Amino acid sequence: MLWQGALGAAGEEHHVEWTVDEDIVWGTNAGPADSAGPSLSQDGDHIVFQGRLNLTEDGAAFLELGATSVLFDVAEPALPDDADGSWIEVRADRSGVSVWPYRL
């Protein structure tokens, strides 16, 4: 995971926007979550996002992780018909995940 931006003081609160350079590929790097609820973890070289999936009309998707949303593109194969609104897990190579800080 790459931090993009100036580092603040230790203990300073940051608001961030996530950028993930991987598409959702159902059955390869994405699938149903084992349980409901948002989470973010690391597993070896992967960042694991678990959240509620929301599909857009233009073929993109965003994953709700609590108060944060992460935008993804969707690749083939098509997502299952019941995927929209469900809890899923997406595994992304950590080198393709960036965090961009911003001030409110």
C-alpha atoms as a PDB file:
ATOM      1  CA  MET A   1       0.000   0.000   0.000  1.00  0.00           C
ATOM      2  CA  LEU A   2       1.384   3.359  -1.009  1.00  0.00           C
ATOM      3  CA  TRP A   3       0.823   6.581   0.954  1.00  0.00           C
ATOM      4  CA  GLN A   4       0.475   9.449  -1.530  1.00  0.00           C
ATOM      5  CA  GLY A   5       1.010  12.851   0.053  1.00  0.00           C
ATOM      6  CA  ALA A   6       2.776  14.605   2.858  1.00  0.00           C
ATOM      7  CA  LEU A   7       3.078  12.847   6.187  1.00  0.00           C
ATOM      8  CA  GLY A   8       1.367  14.641   9.037  1.00  0.00           C
ATOM      9  CA  ALA A   9       2.410  14.783  12.653  1.00  0.00           C
ATOM     10  CA  ALA A  10       2.347  11.565  14.662  1.00  0.00           C
ATOM     11  CA  GLY A  11      -1.137  10.888  15.975  1.00  0.00           C
ATOM     12  CA  GLU A  12      -2.771  13.316  13.529  1.00  0.00           C
ATOM     13  CA  GLU A  13      -6.125  12.219  12.108  1.00  0.00           C
ATOM     14  CA  HIS A  14      -6.263  11.849   8.321  1.00  0.00           C
ATOM     15  CA  HIS A  15      -9.151  11.684   5.893  1.00  0.00           C
ATOM     16  CA  VAL A  16      -8.167   9.521   2.936  1.00  0.00           C
ATOM     17  CA  GLU A  17      -9.334   8.418  -0.473  1.00  0.00           C
ATOM     18  CA  TRP A  18      -8.433   4.896  -1.589  1.00  0.00           C
ATOM     19  CA  THR A  19      -7.254   4.064  -5.111  1.00  0.00           C
ATOM     20  CA  VAL A  20      -7.087   0.407  -6.191  1.00  0.00           C
ATOM     21  CA  ASP A  21      -5.471  -0.456  -9.535  1.00  0.00           C
ATOM     22  CA  GLU A  22      -7.179  -3.850  -9.863  1.00  0.00           C
ATOM     23  CA  ASP A  23     -10.563  -4.729 -11.294  1.00  0.00           C
ATOM     24  CA  ILE A  24     -13.018  -6.990  -9.512  1.00  0.00           C
ATOM     25  CA  VAL A  25     -12.723 -10.411 -11.167  1.00  0.00           C
ATOM     26  CA  TRP A  26     -15.410 -12.617  -9.655  1.00  0.00           C
ATOM     27  CA  GLY A  27     -14.071 -16.015  -8.624  1.00  0.00           C
ATOM     28  CA  THR A  28     -10.443 -14.865  -8.944  1.00  0.00           C
ATOM     29  CA  ASN A  29      -9.850 -11.918  -6.609  1.00  0.00           C
ATOM     30  CA  ALA A  30     -13.429 -11.415  -5.403  1.00  0.00           C
ATOM     31  CA  GLY A  31     -16.206 -13.506  -3.965  1.00  0.00           C
ATOM     32  CA  PRO A  32     -18.799 -13.689  -1.208  1.00  0.00           C
ATOM     33  CA  ALA A  33     -17.608 -12.684   2.265  1.00  0.00           C
ATOM     34  CA  ASP A  34     -17.670 -15.281   5.027  1.00  0.00           C
ATOM     35  CA  SER A  35     -19.532 -12.861   7.303  1.00  0.00           C
ATOM     36  CA  ALA A  36     -21.373  -9.546   7.141  1.00  0.00           C
ATOM     37  CA  GLY A  37     -19.562  -6.387   8.146  1.00  0.00           C
ATOM     38  CA  PRO A  38     -16.805  -4.187   6.802  1.00  0.00           C
ATOM     39  CA  SER A  39     -13.139  -4.983   7.353  1.00  0.00           C
ATOM     40  CA  LEU A  40      -9.723  -4.139   5.985  1.00  0.00           C
ATOM     41  CA  SER A  41      -6.749  -6.428   6.487  1.00  0.00           C
ATOM     42  CA  GLN A  42      -3.482  -7.564   4.974  1.00  0.00           C
ATOM     43  CA  ASP A  43      -2.769 -11.152   3.936  1.00  0.00           C
ATOM     44  CA  GLY A  44       0.793 -11.519   2.684  1.00  0.00           C
ATOM     45  CA  ASP A  45       1.157  -9.312  -0.408  1.00  0.00           C
ATOM     46  CA  HIS A  46      -2.583  -8.575  -0.589  1.00  0.00           C
ATOM     47  CA  ILE A  47      -4.870  -5.989   0.960  1.00  0.00           C
ATOM     48  CA  VAL A  48      -8.233  -7.589   1.700  1.00  0.00           C
ATOM     49  CA  PHE A  49     -11.268  -5.327   1.464  1.00  0.00           C
ATOM     50  CA  GLN A  50     -14.564  -6.649   2.832  1.00  0.00           C
ATOM     51  CA  GLY A  51     -17.661  -4.543   2.349  1.00  0.00           C
ATOM     52  CA  ARG A  52     -21.105  -4.185   0.859  1.00  0.00           C
ATOM     53  CA  LEU A  53     -21.017  -4.094  -2.952  1.00  0.00           C
ATOM     54  CA  ASN A  54     -22.928  -1.421  -4.878  1.00  0.00           C
ATOM     55  CA  LEU A  55     -23.048  -1.552  -8.669  1.00  0.00           C
ATOM     56  CA  THR A  56     -23.407   1.505 -10.919  1.00  0.00           C
ATOM     57  CA  GLU A  57     -25.228   1.722 -14.245  1.00  0.00           C
ATOM     58  CA  ASP A  58     -21.950   2.333 -16.118  1.00  0.00           C
ATOM     59  CA  GLY A  59     -20.394  -0.987 -15.057  1.00  0.00           C
ATOM     60  CA  ALA A  60     -18.326   0.224 -12.103  1.00  0.00           C
ATOM     61  CA  ALA A  61     -18.720  -0.835  -8.510  1.00  0.00           C
ATOM     62  CA  PHE A  62     -17.989   0.615  -5.143  1.00  0.00           C
ATOM     63  CA  LEU A  63     -17.420  -1.210  -1.928  1.00  0.00           C
ATOM     64  CA  GLU A  64     -18.808   0.335   1.245  1.00  0.00           C
ATOM     65  CA  LEU A  65     -16.368  -0.086   4.126  1.00  0.00           C
ATOM     66  CA  GLY A  66     -18.223   1.602   6.956  1.00  0.00           C
ATOM     67  CA  ALA A  67     -18.195   5.344   6.205  1.00  0.00           C
ATOM     68  CA  THR A  68     -15.703   4.906   3.341  1.00  0.00           C
ATOM     69  CA  SER A  69     -16.344   3.843  -0.245  1.00  0.00           C
ATOM     70  CA  VAL A  70     -13.707   2.339  -2.553  1.00  0.00           C
ATOM     71  CA  LEU A  71     -14.322   2.499  -6.317  1.00  0.00           C
ATOM     72  CA  PHE A  72     -13.560  -0.537  -8.498  1.00  0.00           C
ATOM     73  CA  ASP A  73     -13.994  -1.450 -12.148  1.00  0.00           C
ATOM     74  CA  VAL A  74     -15.533  -4.836 -12.901  1.00  0.00           C
ATOM     75  CA  ALA A  75     -13.938  -7.293 -15.351  1.00  0.00           C
ATOM     76  CA  GLU A  76     -15.289 -10.497 -16.872  1.00  0.00           C
ATOM     77  CA  PRO A  77     -16.805 -12.819 -15.834  1.00  0.00           C
ATOM     78  CA  ALA A  78     -19.951 -10.885 -14.974  1.00  0.00           C
ATOM     79  CA  LEU A  79     -20.908 -10.627 -11.340  1.00  0.00           C
ATOM     80  CA  PRO A  80     -23.712 -12.893 -10.102  1.00  0.00           C
ATOM     81  CA  ASP A  81     -27.201 -11.396 -10.351  1.00  0.00           C
ATOM     82  CA  ASP A  82     -27.496 -11.226  -6.561  1.00  0.00           C
ATOM     83  CA  ALA A  83     -24.091  -9.558  -5.976  1.00  0.00           C
ATOM     84  CA  ASP A  84     -25.429  -5.992  -5.773  1.00  0.00           C
ATOM     85  CA  GLY A  85     -25.966  -5.143  -2.103  1.00  0.00           C
ATOM     86  CA  SER A  86     -24.202  -8.266  -0.843  1.00  0.00           C
ATOM     87  CA  TRP A  87     -21.141  -8.535   1.396  1.00  0.00           C
ATOM     88  CA  ILE A  88     -18.074  -9.461  -0.635  1.00  0.00           C
ATOM     89  CA  GLU A  89     -14.310  -9.714  -0.221  1.00  0.00           C
ATOM     90  CA  VAL A  90     -11.849  -8.259  -2.736  1.00  0.00           C
ATOM     91  CA  ARG A  91      -8.144  -9.127  -2.596  1.00  0.00           C
ATOM     92  CA  ALA A  92      -5.799  -6.622  -4.269  1.00  0.00           C
ATOM     93  CA  ASP A  93      -2.031  -6.682  -4.635  1.00  0.00           C
ATOM     94  CA  ARG A  94      -0.782  -4.184  -2.069  1.00  0.00           C
ATOM     95  CA  SER A  95       1.515  -2.513  -4.628  1.00  0.00           C
ATOM     96  CA  GLY A  96      -1.620  -1.415  -6.524  1.00  0.00           C
ATOM     97  CA  VAL A  97      -3.353   0.136  -3.508  1.00  0.00           C
ATOM     98  CA  SER A  98      -2.813   3.829  -2.729  1.00  0.00           C
ATOM     99  CA  VAL A  99      -4.105   6.092  -0.001  1.00  0.00           C
ATOM    100  CA  TRP A 100      -4.465   9.812  -0.726  1.00  0.00           C
ATOM    101  CA  PRO A 101      -4.856  12.114   2.297  1.00  0.00           C
ATOM    102  CA  TYR A 102      -7.004  15.238   2.158  1.00  0.00           C
ATOM    103  CA  ARG A 103      -8.211  17.902   4.580  1.00  0.00           C
ATOM    104  CA  LEU A 104     -11.866  18.670   5.124  1.00  0.00           C
END
